[in-house]
Every structure is written in C-alpha cells, then in structure tokens.
C-alpha atoms as a PDB file:
ATOM      1  CA  MET A   1      61.913  29.021  11.617  1.00  0.00           C
ATOM      2  CA  SER A   2      63.497  27.910   8.354  1.00  0.00           C
ATOM      3  CA  PHE A   3      66.678  28.325   6.292  1.00  0.00           C
ATOM      4  CA  GLN A   4      66.808  29.530   2.699  1.00  0.00           C
ATOM      5  CA  PHE A   5      68.950  31.251   0.058  1.00  0.00           C
ATOM      6  CA  ALA A   6      67.623  34.562  -1.284  1.00  0.00           C
ATOM      7  CA  SER A   7      69.621  34.093  -4.526  1.00  0.00           C
ATOM      8  CA  PRO A   8      69.986  30.320  -4.864  1.00  0.00           C
ATOM      9  CA  TRP A   9      71.011  30.530  -8.542  1.00  0.00           C
ATOM     10  CA  MET A  10      74.370  31.925  -7.421  1.00  0.00           C
ATOM     11  CA  LEU A  11      75.177  28.482  -6.017  1.00  0.00           C
ATOM     12  CA  ALA A  12      75.678  27.301  -9.602  1.00  0.00           C
ATOM     13  CA  LEU A  13      79.055  29.053  -9.443  1.00  0.00           C
ATOM     14  CA  LEU A  14      80.183  26.314  -7.080  1.00  0.00           C
ATOM     15  CA  LEU A  15      80.411  24.089 -10.153  1.00  0.00           C
ATOM     16  CA  LEU A  16      83.035  26.459 -11.566  1.00  0.00           C
ATOM     17  CA  VAL A  17      84.926  26.244  -8.278  1.00  0.00           C
ATOM     18  CA  GLY A  18      84.876  22.475  -8.591  1.00  0.00           C
ATOM     19  CA  LEU A  19      86.169  22.645 -12.165  1.00  0.00           C
ATOM     20  CA  LEU A  20      88.905  25.049 -11.076  1.00  0.00           C
ATOM     21  CA  ALA A  21      89.932  22.655  -8.318  1.00  0.00           C
ATOM     22  CA  LEU A  22      90.088  19.787 -10.831  1.00  0.00           C
ATOM     23  CA  TRP A  23      92.175  21.871 -13.250  1.00  0.00           C
ATOM     24  CA  ARG A  24      94.632  22.823 -10.498  1.00  0.00           C
ATOM     25  CA  PHE A  25      94.952  19.189  -9.466  1.00  0.00           C
ATOM     26  CA  LEU A  26      95.662  17.984 -13.010  1.00  0.00           C
ATOM     27  CA  ASN A  27      98.001  20.900 -13.713  1.00  0.00           C
ATOM     28  CA  ARG A  28      99.980  20.152 -10.551  1.00  0.00           C
ATOM     29  CA  ARG A  29     100.759  16.672 -11.812  1.00  0.00           C
ATOM     30  CA  GLN A  30     102.687  18.138 -14.741  1.00  0.00           C
ATOM     31  CA  ALA A  31     106.362  18.666 -14.154  1.00  0.00           C
ATOM     32  CA  GLN A  32     107.398  22.296 -13.872  1.00  0.00           C
ATOM     33  CA  PRO A  33     110.696  23.618 -15.230  1.00  0.00           C
ATOM     34  CA  ALA A  34     113.314  24.422 -12.675  1.00  0.00           C
ATOM     35  CA  ALA A  35     113.720  28.069 -11.778  1.00  0.00           C
ATOM     36  CA  MET A  36     117.538  27.682 -11.805  1.00  0.00           C
ATOM     37  CA  GLN A  37     119.454  25.196 -13.946  1.00  0.00           C
ATOM     38  CA  TYR A  38     122.682  26.056 -12.231  1.00  0.00           C
ATOM     39  CA  ALA A  39     123.241  27.445  -8.761  1.00  0.00           C
ATOM     40  CA  PRO A  40     126.237  28.045  -6.553  1.00  0.00           C
ATOM     41  CA  ALA A  41     126.737  25.491  -3.825  1.00  0.00           C
ATOM     42  CA  SER A  42     126.168  28.237  -1.235  1.00  0.00           C
ATOM     43  CA  LEU A  43     122.542  28.586  -2.397  1.00  0.00           C
ATOM     44  CA  ILE A  44     121.699  24.925  -2.098  1.00  0.00           C
ATOM     45  CA  ARG A  45     121.256  25.363   1.658  1.00  0.00           C
ATOM     46  CA  ASP A  46     118.548  28.034   1.026  1.00  0.00           C
ATOM     47  CA  LEU A  47     116.326  25.851  -1.162  1.00  0.00           C
ATOM     48  CA  PRO A  48     112.860  24.987   0.340  1.00  0.00           C
ATOM     49  CA  ARG A  49     112.815  21.901   2.490  1.00  0.00           C
ATOM     50  CA  SER A  50     110.809  18.856   1.468  1.00  0.00           C
ATOM     51  CA  TRP A  51     107.897  19.512   3.882  1.00  0.00           C
ATOM     52  CA  ARG A  52     107.318  22.848   2.223  1.00  0.00           C
ATOM     53  CA  VAL A  53     107.005  21.131  -1.099  1.00  0.00           C
ATOM     54  CA  VAL A  54     104.491  18.700   0.369  1.00  0.00           C
ATOM     55  CA  TRP A  55     102.363  21.394   2.018  1.00  0.00           C
ATOM     56  CA  ARG A  56     102.577  24.027  -0.724  1.00  0.00           C
ATOM     57  CA  PRO A  57      99.189  22.916  -2.244  1.00  0.00           C
ATOM     58  CA  LEU A  58      97.611  24.113   1.020  1.00  0.00           C
ATOM     59  CA  THR A  59      97.601  27.639  -0.386  1.00  0.00           C
ATOM     60  CA  THR A  60      95.566  26.488  -3.362  1.00  0.00           C
ATOM     61  CA  VAL A  61      93.110  24.688  -1.085  1.00  0.00           C
ATOM     62  CA  LEU A  62      92.693  27.800   1.064  1.00  0.00           C
ATOM     63  CA  ARG A  63      92.022  29.932  -2.009  1.00  0.00           C
ATOM     64  CA  LEU A  64      89.425  27.494  -3.397  1.00  0.00           C
ATOM     65  CA  VAL A  65      87.631  27.220  -0.055  1.00  0.00           C
ATOM     66  CA  ALA A  66      87.611  31.018   0.221  1.00  0.00           C
ATOM     67  CA  ILE A  67      86.119  31.346  -3.266  1.00  0.00           C
ATOM     68  CA  ALA A  68      83.441  28.767  -2.381  1.00  0.00           C
ATOM     69  CA  LEU A  69      82.550  30.719   0.771  1.00  0.00           C
ATOM     70  CA  VAL A  70      82.279  33.928  -1.262  1.00  0.00           C
ATOM     71  CA  VAL A  71      79.885  32.183  -3.667  1.00  0.00           C
ATOM     72  CA  ILE A  72      77.730  31.011  -0.749  1.00  0.00           C
ATOM     73  CA  ALA A  73      77.740  34.547   0.662  1.00  0.00           C
ATOM     74  CA  LEU A  74      76.594  35.887  -2.731  1.00  0.00           C
ATOM     75  CA  ALA A  75      73.669  33.428  -2.602  1.00  0.00           C
ATOM     76  CA  ARG A  76      72.532  35.282   0.558  1.00  0.00           C
ATOM     77  CA  PRO A  77      71.780  32.577   3.106  1.00  0.00           C
ATOM     78  CA  GLN A  78      68.963  33.587   5.445  1.00  0.00           C
ATOM     79  CA  ILE A  79      67.073  32.379   8.481  1.00  0.00           C
ATOM     80  CA  VAL A  80      63.354  33.069   8.124  1.00  0.00           C
ATOM     81  CA  GLN A  81      61.331  33.408  11.295  1.00  0.00           C
ATOM     82  CA  GLY A  82      57.573  33.536  10.847  1.00  0.00           C
ATOM     83  CA  ARG A  83      55.127  35.063  13.291  1.00  0.00           C
ATOM     84  CA  GLU A  84      51.362  34.581  13.183  1.00  0.00           C
ATOM     85  CA  THR A  85      48.806  37.124  14.313  1.00  0.00           C
ATOM     86  CA  ILE A  86      45.336  35.688  14.862  1.00  0.00           C
ATOM     87  CA  LYS A  87      42.308  37.947  14.663  1.00  0.00           C
ATOM     88  CA  GLY A  88      38.802  36.881  15.573  1.00  0.00           C
ATOM     89  CA  GLU A  89      37.756  33.840  17.552  1.00  0.00           C
ATOM     90  CA  GLY A  90      37.053  30.179  17.055  1.00  0.00           C
ATOM     91  CA  VAL A  91      34.050  28.064  17.972  1.00  0.00           C
ATOM     92  CA  ASP A  92      33.618  26.624  21.469  1.00  0.00           C
ATOM     93  CA  ILE A  93      32.780  22.942  21.064  1.00  0.00           C
ATOM     94  CA  ALA A  94      31.697  20.428  23.708  1.00  0.00           C
ATOM     95  CA  LEU A  95      31.929  16.803  22.598  1.00  0.00           C
ATOM     96  CA  ALA A  96      29.628  14.343  24.385  1.00  0.00           C
ATOM     97  CA  LEU A  97      30.475  10.667  23.880  1.00  0.00           C
ATOM     98  CA  ASP A  98      28.417   7.632  24.910  1.00  0.00           C
ATOM     99  CA  ILE A  99      30.524   4.953  26.665  1.00  0.00           C
ATOM    100  CA  SER A 100      27.710   2.549  27.533  1.00  0.00           C
ATOM    101  CA  GLY A 101      28.203  -1.188  27.057  1.00  0.00           C
ATOM    102  CA  SER A 102      26.454  -1.252  23.679  1.00  0.00           C
ATOM    103  CA  MET A 103      29.294   0.879  22.259  1.00  0.00           C
ATOM    104  CA  ALA A 104      31.273  -2.386  22.209  1.00  0.00           C
ATOM    105  CA  SER A 105      29.150  -3.579  19.262  1.00  0.00           C
ATOM    106  CA  LEU A 106      31.272  -4.771  16.356  1.00  0.00           C
ATOM    107  CA  ASP A 107      29.448  -3.154  13.433  1.00  0.00           C
ATOM    108  CA  PHE A 108      32.110  -0.380  13.152  1.00  0.00           C
ATOM    109  CA  GLN A 109      35.662  -0.941  11.958  1.00  0.00           C
ATOM    110  CA  PRO A 110      38.420  -1.534  12.860  1.00  0.00           C
ATOM    111  CA  ASP A 111      37.309  -2.598  16.344  1.00  0.00           C
ATOM    112  CA  ASN A 112      33.982  -1.448  17.753  1.00  0.00           C
ATOM    113  CA  ARG A 113      31.736   1.612  17.892  1.00  0.00           C
ATOM    114  CA  LEU A 114      33.633   3.317  20.705  1.00  0.00           C
ATOM    115  CA  GLN A 115      37.094   2.894  19.190  1.00  0.00           C
ATOM    116  CA  ALA A 116      35.851   4.055  15.785  1.00  0.00           C
ATOM    117  CA  ALA A 117      34.251   7.122  17.381  1.00  0.00           C
ATOM    118  CA  LYS A 118      37.480   7.940  19.230  1.00  0.00           C
ATOM    119  CA  GLN A 119      39.512   7.810  16.011  1.00  0.00           C
ATOM    120  CA  VAL A 120      37.069  10.005  14.102  1.00  0.00           C
ATOM    121  CA  ILE A 121      36.783  12.520  16.953  1.00  0.00           C
ATOM    122  CA  ASP A 122      40.571  12.670  17.238  1.00  0.00           C
ATOM    123  CA  ASP A 123      40.789  13.589  13.540  1.00  0.00           C
ATOM    124  CA  PHE A 124      38.009  16.147  13.986  1.00  0.00           C
ATOM    125  CA  ILE A 125      39.906  17.845  16.818  1.00  0.00           C
ATOM    126  CA  ALA A 126      43.004  18.083  14.624  1.00  0.00           C
ATOM    127  CA  GLU A 127      40.960  20.021  12.042  1.00  0.00           C
ATOM    128  CA  ARG A 128      39.917  22.684  14.586  1.00  0.00           C
ATOM    129  CA  PRO A 129      43.197  24.304  15.741  1.00  0.00           C
ATOM    130  CA  TYR A 130      41.641  27.639  16.761  1.00  0.00           C
ATOM    131  CA  ASP A 131      38.608  26.277  18.640  1.00  0.00           C
ATOM    132  CA  ARG A 132      38.263  25.592  22.336  1.00  0.00           C
ATOM    133  CA  ILE A 133      37.184  21.980  22.737  1.00  0.00           C
ATOM    134  CA  GLY A 134      36.000  20.004  25.763  1.00  0.00           C
ATOM    135  CA  LEU A 135      35.003  16.357  26.226  1.00  0.00           C
ATOM    136  CA  VAL A 136      32.119  14.829  28.190  1.00  0.00           C
ATOM    137  CA  ILE A 137      31.583  11.083  28.565  1.00  0.00           C
ATOM    138  CA  PHE A 138      28.354   9.506  29.741  1.00  0.00           C
ATOM    139  CA  SER A 139      26.837   6.130  30.555  1.00  0.00           C
ATOM    140  CA  ASN A 140      24.653   5.843  33.675  1.00  0.00           C
ATOM    141  CA  GLU A 141      26.278   9.123  34.749  1.00  0.00           C
ATOM    142  CA  ALA A 142      28.117  11.913  32.945  1.00  0.00           C
ATOM    143  CA  PHE A 143      31.589  13.340  33.545  1.00  0.00           C
ATOM    144  CA  ALA A 144      33.730  16.121  32.118  1.00  0.00           C
ATOM    145  CA  GLN A 145      36.699  14.140  30.788  1.00  0.00           C
ATOM    146  CA  SER A 146      38.468  17.300  29.591  1.00  0.00           C
ATOM    147  CA  PRO A 147      37.563  20.966  30.194  1.00  0.00           C
ATOM    148  CA  LEU A 148      37.018  23.469  27.424  1.00  0.00           C
ATOM    149  CA  THR A 149      40.517  24.354  26.241  1.00  0.00           C
ATOM    150  CA  LEU A 150      42.751  25.323  23.334  1.00  0.00           C
ATOM    151  CA  ASP A 151      45.238  22.703  24.533  1.00  0.00           C
ATOM    152  CA  HIS A 152      44.174  20.028  22.088  1.00  0.00           C
ATOM    153  CA  ASN A 153      46.978  17.723  23.178  1.00  0.00           C
ATOM    154  CA  MET A 154      45.305  17.506  26.566  1.00  0.00           C
ATOM    155  CA  VAL A 155      41.931  16.794  24.956  1.00  0.00           C
ATOM    156  CA  THR A 156      43.315  14.017  22.759  1.00  0.00           C
ATOM    157  CA  ARG A 157      45.178  12.478  25.711  1.00  0.00           C
ATOM    158  CA  SER A 158      41.922  12.478  27.647  1.00  0.00           C
ATOM    159  CA  LEU A 159      40.163  10.941  24.657  1.00  0.00           C
ATOM    160  CA  ASP A 160      42.768   8.180  24.457  1.00  0.00           C
ATOM    161  CA  GLN A 161      41.978   7.230  28.052  1.00  0.00           C
ATOM    162  CA  VAL A 162      38.263   6.787  27.367  1.00  0.00           C
ATOM    163  CA  GLU A 163      37.041   3.202  27.701  1.00  0.00           C
ATOM    164  CA  LEU A 164      33.704   1.473  28.078  1.00  0.00           C
ATOM    165  CA  ALA A 165      31.871   2.286  31.308  1.00  0.00           C
ATOM    166  CA  THR A 166      32.286  -1.236  32.661  1.00  0.00           C
ATOM    167  CA  ASP A 167      36.041  -1.131  31.982  1.00  0.00           C
ATOM    168  CA  LEU A 168      36.232   2.130  33.946  1.00  0.00           C
ATOM    169  CA  GLY A 169      34.325   0.635  36.865  1.00  0.00           C
ATOM    170  CA  LEU A 170      31.182   2.645  36.121  1.00  0.00           C
ATOM    171  CA  GLU A 171      27.594   1.485  36.100  1.00  0.00           C
ATOM    172  CA  ASP A 172      26.222   0.786  32.643  1.00  0.00           C
ATOM    173  CA  GLY A 173      23.385   2.784  31.147  1.00  0.00           C
ATOM    174  CA  THR A 174      22.663   5.594  28.681  1.00  0.00           C
ATOM    175  CA  ALA A 175      21.959   8.988  30.251  1.00  0.00           C
ATOM    176  CA  ILE A 176      21.595  11.078  27.099  1.00  0.00           C
ATOM    177  CA  GLY A 177      19.937  13.977  28.900  1.00  0.00           C
ATOM    178  CA  LEU A 178      22.634  14.059  31.565  1.00  0.00           C
ATOM    179  CA  GLY A 179      25.384  13.916  28.938  1.00  0.00           C
ATOM    180  CA  LEU A 180      23.852  16.822  27.021  1.00  0.00           C
ATOM    181  CA  ALA A 181      23.311  18.814  30.221  1.00  0.00           C
ATOM    182  CA  ASN A 182      26.979  18.407  31.146  1.00  0.00           C
ATOM    183  CA  ALA A 183      28.043  19.514  27.672  1.00  0.00           C
ATOM    184  CA  ALA A 184      25.790  22.580  27.938  1.00  0.00           C
ATOM    185  CA  ASN A 185      27.137  23.329  31.409  1.00  0.00           C
ATOM    186  CA  MET A 186      30.676  23.239  29.994  1.00  0.00           C
ATOM    187  CA  LEU A 187      29.665  26.036  27.603  1.00  0.00           C
ATOM    188  CA  THR A 188      27.734  28.108  30.164  1.00  0.00           C
ATOM    189  CA  ASN A 189      30.493  30.652  30.752  1.00  0.00           C
ATOM    190  CA  SER A 190      31.630  30.763  27.134  1.00  0.00           C
ATOM    191  CA  ASP A 191      31.826  34.200  25.520  1.00  0.00           C
ATOM    192  CA  ALA A 192      32.300  32.747  22.040  1.00  0.00           C
ATOM    193  CA  GLU A 193      29.923  33.941  19.360  1.00  0.00           C
ATOM    194  CA  SER A 194      29.349  30.335  18.263  1.00  0.00           C
ATOM    195  CA  LYS A 195      28.799  27.533  20.799  1.00  0.00           C
ATOM    196  CA  VAL A 196      28.287  23.956  19.660  1.00  0.00           C
ATOM    197  CA  ALA A 197      27.670  20.592  21.311  1.00  0.00           C
ATOM    198  CA  ILE A 198      28.124  17.340  19.390  1.00  0.00           C
ATOM    199  CA  LEU A 199      26.492  14.357  21.087  1.00  0.00           C
ATOM    200  CA  LEU A 200      27.114  10.795  19.909  1.00  0.00           C
ATOM    201  CA  THR A 201      25.102   7.870  21.259  1.00  0.00           C
ATOM    202  CA  ASP A 202      23.991   4.433  20.129  1.00  0.00           C
ATOM    203  CA  GLY A 203      21.060   3.912  22.455  1.00  0.00           C
ATOM    204  CA  VAL A 204      17.959   5.104  24.224  1.00  0.00           C
ATOM    205  CA  ASN A 205      17.877   7.405  27.239  1.00  0.00           C
ATOM    206  CA  ASN A 206      17.376   4.995  30.149  1.00  0.00           C
ATOM    207  CA  SER A 207      19.337   6.616  32.991  1.00  0.00           C
ATOM    208  CA  GLY A 208      19.855   9.946  34.676  1.00  0.00           C
ATOM    209  CA  GLN A 209      17.597  12.535  36.223  1.00  0.00           C
ATOM    210  CA  ILE A 210      17.425  14.857  33.212  1.00  0.00           C
ATOM    211  CA  ASP A 211      15.235  14.336  30.162  1.00  0.00           C
ATOM    212  CA  PRO A 212      17.036  14.920  26.831  1.00  0.00           C
ATOM    213  CA  LEU A 213      14.422  17.446  25.683  1.00  0.00           C
ATOM    214  CA  THR A 214      14.746  19.391  28.926  1.00  0.00           C
ATOM    215  CA  ALA A 215      18.514  19.499  28.415  1.00  0.00           C
ATOM    216  CA  ALA A 216      17.919  20.638  24.835  1.00  0.00           C
ATOM    217  CA  GLU A 217      15.754  23.556  26.001  1.00  0.00           C
ATOM    218  CA  ALA A 218      18.488  24.571  28.443  1.00  0.00           C
ATOM    219  CA  ALA A 219      21.073  24.418  25.658  1.00  0.00           C
ATOM    220  CA  LYS A 220      18.857  26.559  23.448  1.00  0.00           C
ATOM    221  CA  ALA A 221      18.536  29.162  26.210  1.00  0.00           C
ATOM    222  CA  LEU A 222      22.337  29.327  26.392  1.00  0.00           C
ATOM    223  CA  GLY A 223      22.635  29.804  22.633  1.00  0.00           C
ATOM    224  CA  ILE A 224      24.128  26.355  22.074  1.00  0.00           C
ATOM    225  CA  LYS A 225      23.563  24.526  18.806  1.00  0.00           C
ATOM    226  CA  VAL A 226      23.429  20.746  19.256  1.00  0.00           C
ATOM    227  CA  TYR A 227      24.378  18.205  16.611  1.00  0.00           C
ATOM    228  CA  THR A 228      23.203  14.700  17.503  1.00  0.00           C
ATOM    229  CA  ILE A 229      24.593  11.491  16.035  1.00  0.00           C
ATOM    230  CA  GLY A 230      23.020   8.054  16.280  1.00  0.00           C
ATOM    231  CA  ALA A 231      25.711   5.414  15.789  1.00  0.00           C
ATOM    232  CA  GLY A 232      24.816   1.871  14.806  1.00  0.00           C
ATOM    233  CA  ARG A 233      23.665  -0.339  11.984  1.00  0.00           C
ATOM    234  CA  PRO A 234      19.928  -1.121  11.925  1.00  0.00           C
ATOM    235  CA  GLY A 235      18.776  -4.582  12.951  1.00  0.00           C
ATOM    236  CA  GLN A 236      20.881  -7.301  14.558  1.00  0.00           C
ATOM    237  CA  VAL A 237      24.527  -6.388  15.194  1.00  0.00           C
ATOM    238  CA  PRO A 238      27.428  -8.518  16.493  1.00  0.00           C
ATOM    239  CA  PHE A 239      28.326  -8.007  20.139  1.00  0.00           C
ATOM    240  CA  PRO A 240      31.043  -9.633  22.279  1.00  0.00           C
ATOM    241  CA  ALA A 241      29.604 -11.370  25.319  1.00  0.00           C
ATOM    242  CA  GLN A 242      31.080 -13.577  28.026  1.00  0.00           C
ATOM    243  CA  ASP A 243      29.562 -16.933  28.870  1.00  0.00           C
ATOM    244  CA  MET A 244      29.367 -18.444  32.346  1.00  0.00           C
ATOM    245  CA  PHE A 245      32.942 -19.740  32.010  1.00  0.00           C
ATOM    246  CA  GLY A 246      34.398 -16.300  31.195  1.00  0.00           C
ATOM    247  CA  ASN A 247      34.910 -17.062  27.522  1.00  0.00           C
ATOM    248  CA  THR A 248      34.113 -14.361  24.962  1.00  0.00           C
ATOM    249  CA  ARG A 249      31.706 -15.283  22.207  1.00  0.00           C
ATOM    250  CA  ILE A 250      29.882 -13.272  19.579  1.00  0.00           C
ATOM    251  CA  VAL A 251      26.140 -12.864  19.946  1.00  0.00           C
ATOM    252  CA  TYR A 252      23.709 -10.740  17.971  1.00  0.00           C
ATOM    253  CA  GLN A 253      21.505  -8.118  19.561  1.00  0.00           C
ATOM    254  CA  GLU A 254      19.076  -5.537  18.273  1.00  0.00           C
ATOM    255  CA  SER A 255      20.456  -2.059  17.647  1.00  0.00           C
ATOM    256  CA  GLN A 256      18.216   0.438  19.430  1.00  0.00           C
ATOM    257  CA  ILE A 257      18.591   4.168  18.841  1.00  0.00           C
ATOM    258  CA  ASP A 258      16.001   6.746  19.896  1.00  0.00           C
ATOM    259  CA  GLU A 259      16.191   8.654  16.634  1.00  0.00           C
ATOM    260  CA  ALA A 260      13.013  10.605  17.323  1.00  0.00           C
ATOM    261  CA  THR A 261      14.417  12.127  20.510  1.00  0.00           C
ATOM    262  CA  LEU A 262      17.792  12.866  18.909  1.00  0.00           C
ATOM    263  CA  GLN A 263      16.006  14.579  16.021  1.00  0.00           C
ATOM    264  CA  GLN A 264      13.958  16.684  18.446  1.00  0.00           C
ATOM    265  CA  VAL A 265      17.054  17.732  20.382  1.00  0.00           C
ATOM    266  CA  ALA A 266      18.683  18.914  17.158  1.00  0.00           C
ATOM    267  CA  ASP A 267      15.536  20.726  16.011  1.00  0.00           C
ATOM    268  CA  ILE A 268      15.081  22.549  19.323  1.00  0.00           C
ATOM    269  CA  THR A 269      18.631  23.921  19.291  1.00  0.00           C
ATOM    270  CA  GLY A 270      18.923  24.670  15.575  1.00  0.00           C
ATOM    271  CA  GLY A 271      21.324  21.804  14.975  1.00  0.00           C
ATOM    272  CA  LYS A 272      21.021  18.661  12.896  1.00  0.00           C
ATOM    273  CA  TYR A 273      20.567  14.935  13.490  1.00  0.00           C
ATOM    274  CA  TYR A 274      22.719  12.355  11.699  1.00  0.00           C
ATOM    275  CA  ARG A 275      22.659   8.577  11.526  1.00  0.00           C
ATOM    276  CA  ALA A 276      25.996   6.761  11.135  1.00  0.00           C
ATOM    277  CA  GLU A 277      25.857   3.090  10.173  1.00  0.00           C
ATOM    278  CA  ASP A 278      29.596   2.513   9.795  1.00  0.00           C
ATOM    279  CA  THR A 279      32.952   4.207  10.361  1.00  0.00           C
ATOM    280  CA  ARG A 280      33.012   5.807   6.918  1.00  0.00           C
ATOM    281  CA  GLY A 281      29.596   7.327   7.479  1.00  0.00           C
ATOM    282  CA  LEU A 282      30.622   8.590  10.912  1.00  0.00           C
ATOM    283  CA  ARG A 283      33.705  10.248   9.462  1.00  0.00           C
ATOM    284  CA  ALA A 284      31.588  11.917   6.763  1.00  0.00           C
ATOM    285  CA  ILE A 285      29.282  13.315   9.460  1.00  0.00           C
ATOM    286  CA  TYR A 286      32.097  14.923  11.436  1.00  0.00           C
ATOM    287  CA  ASP A 287      33.555  16.264   8.183  1.00  0.00           C
ATOM    288  CA  GLU A 288      30.228  17.919   7.383  1.00  0.00           C
ATOM    289  CA  ILE A 289      29.979  19.448  10.849  1.00  0.00           C
ATOM    290  CA  ASN A 290      33.530  20.703  10.418  1.00  0.00           C
ATOM    291  CA  ARG A 291      32.488  22.461   7.207  1.00  0.00           C
ATOM    292  CA  LEU A 292      29.289  23.871   8.702  1.00  0.00           C
ATOM    293  CA  GLU A 293      30.922  25.331  11.810  1.00  0.00           C
ATOM    294  CA  LYS A 294      33.651  27.558  10.426  1.00  0.00           C
ATOM    295  CA  SER A 295      35.886  29.499  12.786  1.00  0.00           C
ATOM    296  CA  GLN A 296      35.825  33.271  12.189  1.00  0.00           C
ATOM    297  CA  VAL A 297      39.598  33.572  12.304  1.00  0.00           C
ATOM    298  CA  GLU A 298      41.967  35.641  10.168  1.00  0.00           C
ATOM    299  CA  ILE A 299      45.641  34.737  10.257  1.00  0.00           C
ATOM    300  CA  GLU A 300      48.314  37.235   9.273  1.00  0.00           C
ATOM    301  CA  VAL A 301      51.817  35.852   8.839  1.00  0.00           C
ATOM    302  CA  PHE A 302      54.854  38.112   9.173  1.00  0.00           C
ATOM    303  CA  ASN A 303      58.277  36.842   8.141  1.00  0.00           C
ATOM    304  CA  GLN A 304      61.469  38.250   9.600  1.00  0.00           C
ATOM    305  CA  TYR A 305      64.684  37.624   7.666  1.00  0.00           C
ATOM    306  CA  PHE A 306      68.124  37.328   9.262  1.00  0.00           C
ATOM    307  CA  GLU A 307      70.972  37.641   6.737  1.00  0.00           C
ATOM    308  CA  LEU A 308      73.850  35.196   7.257  1.00  0.00           C
ATOM    309  CA  PHE A 309      76.168  36.189   4.390  1.00  0.00           C
ATOM    310  CA  ALA A 310      78.675  37.729   6.822  1.00  0.00           C
ATOM    311  CA  TRP A 311      79.156  34.306   8.437  1.00  0.00           C
ATOM    312  CA  PHE A 312      80.578  33.129   5.106  1.00  0.00           C
ATOM    313  CA  LEU A 313      82.154  36.311   3.738  1.00  0.00           C
ATOM    314  CA  ILE A 314      84.316  37.100   6.783  1.00  0.00           C
ATOM    315  CA  PRO A 315      85.862  33.583   6.958  1.00  0.00           C
ATOM    316  CA  ALA A 316      86.474  33.808   3.192  1.00  0.00           C
ATOM    317  CA  LEU A 317      88.435  37.057   3.594  1.00  0.00           C
ATOM    318  CA  LEU A 318      90.417  35.603   6.496  1.00  0.00           C
ATOM    319  CA  LEU A 319      91.282  32.507   4.442  1.00  0.00           C
ATOM    320  CA  LEU A 320      92.420  34.699   1.518  1.00  0.00           C
ATOM    321  CA  LEU A 321      94.572  36.738   3.898  1.00  0.00           C
ATOM    322  CA  LEU A 322      96.054  33.546   5.347  1.00  0.00           C
ATOM    323  CA  GLU A 323      96.687  32.157   1.869  1.00  0.00           C
ATOM    324  CA  LEU A 324      98.442  35.358   0.781  1.00  0.00           C
ATOM    325  CA  THR A 325     100.559  35.409   3.945  1.00  0.00           C
ATOM    326  CA  LEU A 326     101.632  31.782   3.536  1.00  0.00           C
ATOM    327  CA  ARG A 327     102.383  32.279  -0.149  1.00  0.00           C
ATOM    328  CA  LYS A 328     104.602  35.314   0.593  1.00  0.00           C
ATOM    329  CA  THR A 329     106.405  33.771   3.567  1.00  0.00           C
ATOM    330  CA  ILE A 330     106.626  30.049   4.251  1.00  0.00           C
ATOM    331  CA  PHE A 331     105.761  28.902   0.734  1.00  0.00           C
ATOM    332  CA  ARG A 332     107.511  31.715  -1.097  1.00  0.00           C
ATOM    333  CA  ARG A 333     109.134  30.593  -4.334  1.00  0.00           C
ATOM    334  CA  ILE A 334     112.742  31.522  -4.906  1.00  0.00           C
ATOM    335  CA  PRO A 335     113.120  33.315  -8.273  1.00  0.00           C
END
C-alpha cells in the first residue's frame, strides 16, 4: 500500500496560494480609509468591538486554507493497493550443512567456516522467495533443523541457532551419506517439478550407516539434483584448540576433503561439485546455483486505486461556507 498524487503538477499552485497569503498580509498592514468621516453619536454604539477587529483576519485565513485544500484535491491524492498473483511453482531445496568440529577452522572470514557458510546460506535463502526450503545439519548424525517450507523466516531463525556439533552436545564426526539421505528424505513427498539438494562439507565421510554414493543413488531415484560443495583451503589451515589448561591456542591441521566422492555424488544426480577455498568463493558458488536453478514463477501485479480528493474538497467547501457566513454576520463591515 502506498500514497501518491495522480496529478502532482497541480501542487505547484500552492506556491500561488503562498504568494496570495503574503500579499494579503502586507496589504493588511496598510492603513485603510475610514468608511465614515462623520457619524452621529447614536451610531458609535453600533461600531464593531475591538475583538472583531482582532479576529477579522480569520476569514482570510479560512479562505486561503480552503483554496489550498482545493488545490490538493485537484492533484488527486490516491492510495494505491497492489495485489500479486503468482502462477507456476518454485524449486524445492534441501540444504545440508556440515557442523563437525573441523568447521571451526579459521581459513574463512570473518570468523570460521561454519559462520561464513551460515551467512552465505542466509543470503541465498533471501534470493529464493518463491521456493520451499528446508535445512538439515549433520556431524556424527543428521537432523532436520527446519522442515521444507515457504516460511523463510523460520528457516533463517533455525539457521541462526546452528552451532558446532560439540557446542550442541553432539558427538563429532562427518556423516556425509546420512546428511544427504536426510536431505533426500525431506524431498520425498515433494510434488515440485524441480527438486534440489545442496550439501556443504569440509571433510571425509567417517560416520553414519549410509554410504554417500548409496544416498546419491536414492536421490537420483527421487529425481533430486545434488550440488556438493567442499569448503576449505588446501594444505595446513589454522584451527582453534584448547590445551590441557583450557586455554585456546591456534594450531595448524591438514584440510581433508573427499573431493572424489563429492564429485561422484554430483555426477550421479546430474548436479555439480564445487570447491570453495574462502568466503568469497563460497558466495560465488551459491550465486551460481541461484542462477542455475530458476523458479518457474510468473508474477502479475494488479493495482487498485482509492481516490481521496473528496477528503480535501468537502472540508474546503465547508471552510468557504464558514468564511462567507462569518464575513456576512460577525465580521460584517458597516457601509
């Protein structure tokens, strides 16, 4: 809903109203000749009292305000109420996010791999307003953090609550197959023409009962395209570790990503494998996926206009009537 003037150029006439008000003010300061130079003493009692002289300019004010309201009415103020009609359907997307301990590695800005992934995913969700999106997290186990839904506020709130497995009291590990299987299960009952899973991990499948390739075959059977993302810089990466006294210090550990398996998963399902070595690269990957998976949605916008000129014209007429009444009665000039 918005407010607008259909003929805004008419508002320029308000400048003339302002000039008229200024002219009346300056003209009033000039002394006016008396209507009667001589009058019988009996008529002195009928002359206007002083308060009438003081308040007589009220009639001019009423007339100027009325003229200003007429000008606004001529500009045709309107309230515009838009209504959207959506045709078609979006893409159903299941996001699978690794929360294993290695996601605390400090090779992604501004904090670590997990926080960078959360920020990028949050931006990705904002770009998909017509898609149903769900969130799966996995470490040693896998959980549906948010169901498949169009309520993206709920998804982003669930994403905000995601922490490392150890911070959530979960056992550490990387169950890639289990994470993918949960994402595929989330899309099992989907009737969408396009179903997509996006799996992000920084490790090697070392937990869970399901092999990643088995999960990929199941996803393929369900018509799910899987994009896989390996997150992490090659070689030694900084990692926060606690010593025996509970103090945090930075150590370096080898970044291990099973790129071969992630590539196979993508190939089996008709998706694509990406490697992200920093936050900028990760953002570019999600941007590319966003471009590749377009929602088949047509939006028709209908605007309904509510004219408000009567709200200004009627008060203007009432003010003119009041001004005329006052001028002919209380503030009537004696000839």
